Structures are given as C-alpha cells and as structure tokens.
Amino acid sequence: MEGKRDVIEGVAEDAKQGAVVVRDAGAVFVAGLDGWPRELRGRRVRVTGHLRTIAGADEPLEIDGLHRAGSLGDRRVIEDATWEALER
C-alpha cells in the first residue's frame, strides 16, 4: 500500500554497521544513522519508516578462515525513519 509506514519497537543500540533496534525478532538497522544519540542508547524506542530486507548484506571479513567482521545473509533495515523514546 503506497504511503504505508511500518512501526517497530525495541531497544536502541549501536552496532559496528550503525544504529539498530533490538527486538525479540532480531535487530533492525536504521538506514543512514551511524549511532543513536547518547540519551537514547539502551532505551526503548518506537521507530516509524519503511521496513525492508536487504539481500546478501556486506562482504564478511575473514582472517585465518574465521569470520571476523561484516554481516552474513539478509538484514532488515528501516528507511526514512523517525523515532521517539518510549516511557522508561
């Protein structure tokens, strides 16, 4: 449906690849946000935007045959996001 916006809730955390919302169903990256503002990190947030899956994600870095960095498989991303802190 055109114009439909998705809403997710979870905990605002920072990952190496940027800001994420951690939920029971897994982490969702917030497109274009390198990290959460200090006052939101670790707090519950509601994020509104367009949720999609990016196939394949990043090329992982391997050292001595062991996975060291990057991401494997698909990843969920919310784009054109706005957010608000939820009650503590």
C-alpha atoms as a PDB file:
ATOM      1  CA  MET A   1       0.000   0.000   0.000  1.00  0.00           C
ATOM      2  CA  GLU A   2       1.556   3.302  -1.088  1.00  0.00           C
ATOM      3  CA  GLY A   3       2.324   5.697   1.744  1.00  0.00           C
ATOM      4  CA  LYS A   4       2.090   2.947   4.380  1.00  0.00           C
ATOM      5  CA  ARG A   5       4.683   3.328   7.133  1.00  0.00           C
ATOM      6  CA  ASP A   6       5.888   0.500   9.345  1.00  0.00           C
ATOM      7  CA  VAL A   7       6.266   0.868  13.115  1.00  0.00           C
ATOM      8  CA  ILE A   8       8.726  -1.175  15.184  1.00  0.00           C
ATOM      9  CA  GLU A   9       9.592  -1.031  18.877  1.00  0.00           C
ATOM     10  CA  GLY A  10      12.687  -2.240  20.665  1.00  0.00           C
ATOM     11  CA  VAL A  11      15.890  -1.145  22.381  1.00  0.00           C
ATOM     12  CA  ALA A  12      18.153   1.434  20.716  1.00  0.00           C
ATOM     13  CA  GLU A  13      21.685   0.017  20.439  1.00  0.00           C
ATOM     14  CA  ASP A  14      24.778   0.772  18.371  1.00  0.00           C
ATOM     15  CA  ALA A  15      26.466  -1.858  16.183  1.00  0.00           C
ATOM     16  CA  LYS A  16      29.630  -1.611  14.094  1.00  0.00           C
ATOM     17  CA  GLN A  17      27.489  -1.064  10.993  1.00  0.00           C
ATOM     18  CA  GLY A  18      25.271   1.608  12.562  1.00  0.00           C
ATOM     19  CA  ALA A  19      22.254   2.125  14.793  1.00  0.00           C
ATOM     20  CA  VAL A  20      19.926  -0.832  15.384  1.00  0.00           C
ATOM     21  CA  VAL A  21      16.627  -1.503  17.105  1.00  0.00           C
ATOM     22  CA  VAL A  22      16.928  -4.769  19.026  1.00  0.00           C
ATOM     23  CA  ARG A  23      13.676  -6.756  19.252  1.00  0.00           C
ATOM     24  CA  ASP A  24      12.720 -10.345  20.026  1.00  0.00           C
ATOM     25  CA  ALA A  25      12.500 -10.977  16.267  1.00  0.00           C
ATOM     26  CA  GLY A  26      16.092  -9.741  15.762  1.00  0.00           C
ATOM     27  CA  ALA A  27      17.883  -6.468  15.117  1.00  0.00           C
ATOM     28  CA  VAL A  28      16.722  -3.935  12.533  1.00  0.00           C
ATOM     29  CA  PHE A  29      19.247  -1.424  11.170  1.00  0.00           C
ATOM     30  CA  VAL A  30      18.185   2.229  10.940  1.00  0.00           C
ATOM     31  CA  ALA A  31      19.318   3.378   7.481  1.00  0.00           C
ATOM     32  CA  GLY A  32      21.536   6.459   7.499  1.00  0.00           C
ATOM     33  CA  LEU A  33      22.031   6.542  11.285  1.00  0.00           C
ATOM     34  CA  ASP A  34      25.608   5.757  12.358  1.00  0.00           C
ATOM     35  CA  GLY A  35      24.704   5.678  16.042  1.00  0.00           C
ATOM     36  CA  TRP A  36      21.954   6.643  18.446  1.00  0.00           C
ATOM     37  CA  PRO A  37      22.152   9.912  20.369  1.00  0.00           C
ATOM     38  CA  ARG A  38      23.614   9.248  23.820  1.00  0.00           C
ATOM     39  CA  GLU A  39      20.304   9.937  25.592  1.00  0.00           C
ATOM     40  CA  LEU A  40      18.535   7.178  23.589  1.00  0.00           C
ATOM     41  CA  ARG A  41      21.169   4.418  23.706  1.00  0.00           C
ATOM     42  CA  GLY A  42      19.864   1.485  25.735  1.00  0.00           C
ATOM     43  CA  ARG A  43      16.325   2.880  25.921  1.00  0.00           C
ATOM     44  CA  ARG A  44      13.135   1.546  24.374  1.00  0.00           C
ATOM     45  CA  VAL A  45      12.205   3.404  21.194  1.00  0.00           C
ATOM     46  CA  ARG A  46       9.431   3.404  18.602  1.00  0.00           C
ATOM     47  CA  VAL A  47      10.710   3.804  15.033  1.00  0.00           C
ATOM     48  CA  THR A  48       8.482   4.600  12.060  1.00  0.00           C
ATOM     49  CA  GLY A  49       9.627   4.211   8.452  1.00  0.00           C
ATOM     50  CA  HIS A  50       9.733   1.796   5.544  1.00  0.00           C
ATOM     51  CA  LEU A  51      10.866  -1.689   6.585  1.00  0.00           C
ATOM     52  CA  ARG A  52      12.606  -3.880   4.020  1.00  0.00           C
ATOM     53  CA  THR A  53      15.067  -6.725   3.714  1.00  0.00           C
ATOM     54  CA  ILE A  54      18.442  -6.224   2.031  1.00  0.00           C
ATOM     55  CA  ALA A  55      19.599  -9.468   0.432  1.00  0.00           C
ATOM     56  CA  GLY A  56      23.148 -10.651   0.963  1.00  0.00           C
ATOM     57  CA  ALA A  57      24.295  -7.760   3.175  1.00  0.00           C
ATOM     58  CA  ASP A  58      28.024  -6.953   3.391  1.00  0.00           C
ATOM     59  CA  GLU A  59      31.018  -8.996   2.346  1.00  0.00           C
ATOM     60  CA  PRO A  60      32.348 -10.558   5.568  1.00  0.00           C
ATOM     61  CA  LEU A  61      35.993 -10.175   6.558  1.00  0.00           C
ATOM     62  CA  GLU A  62      37.680 -13.493   7.256  1.00  0.00           C
ATOM     63  CA  ILE A  63      41.056 -13.941   8.907  1.00  0.00           C
ATOM     64  CA  ASP A  64      42.615 -17.400   9.038  1.00  0.00           C
ATOM     65  CA  GLY A  65      39.293 -18.841   7.877  1.00  0.00           C
ATOM     66  CA  LEU A  66      37.330 -17.324  10.777  1.00  0.00           C
ATOM     67  CA  HIS A  67      34.548 -14.768  10.379  1.00  0.00           C
ATOM     68  CA  ARG A  68      35.748 -11.509  11.976  1.00  0.00           C
ATOM     69  CA  ALA A  69      33.561  -8.644  10.709  1.00  0.00           C
ATOM     70  CA  GLY A  70      30.750  -7.758   8.337  1.00  0.00           C
ATOM     71  CA  SER A  71      27.399  -9.442   8.134  1.00  0.00           C
ATOM     72  CA  LEU A  72      26.224 -12.703   6.693  1.00  0.00           C
ATOM     73  CA  GLY A  73      22.908 -13.222   4.936  1.00  0.00           C
ATOM     74  CA  ASP A  74      19.943 -10.901   4.691  1.00  0.00           C
ATOM     75  CA  ARG A  75      19.400  -7.986   7.053  1.00  0.00           C
ATOM     76  CA  ARG A  76      16.333  -5.961   7.987  1.00  0.00           C
ATOM     77  CA  VAL A  77      16.511  -2.190   7.517  1.00  0.00           C
ATOM     78  CA  ILE A  78      14.081   0.609   8.265  1.00  0.00           C
ATOM     79  CA  GLU A  79      14.453   3.574   5.896  1.00  0.00           C
ATOM     80  CA  ASP A  80      13.214   7.177   6.033  1.00  0.00           C
ATOM     81  CA  ALA A  81      12.939   6.655   9.776  1.00  0.00           C
ATOM     82  CA  THR A  82      11.698   8.874  12.551  1.00  0.00           C
ATOM     83  CA  TRP A  83      11.839   7.799  16.181  1.00  0.00           C
ATOM     84  CA  GLU A  84      10.735   8.602  19.676  1.00  0.00           C
ATOM     85  CA  ALA A  85      11.727   7.386  23.117  1.00  0.00           C
ATOM     86  CA  LEU A  86       9.179   5.293  24.993  1.00  0.00           C
ATOM     87  CA  GLU A  87       8.480   5.538  28.703  1.00  0.00           C
ATOM     88  CA  ARG A  88      11.175   4.028  30.904  1.00  0.00           C
END
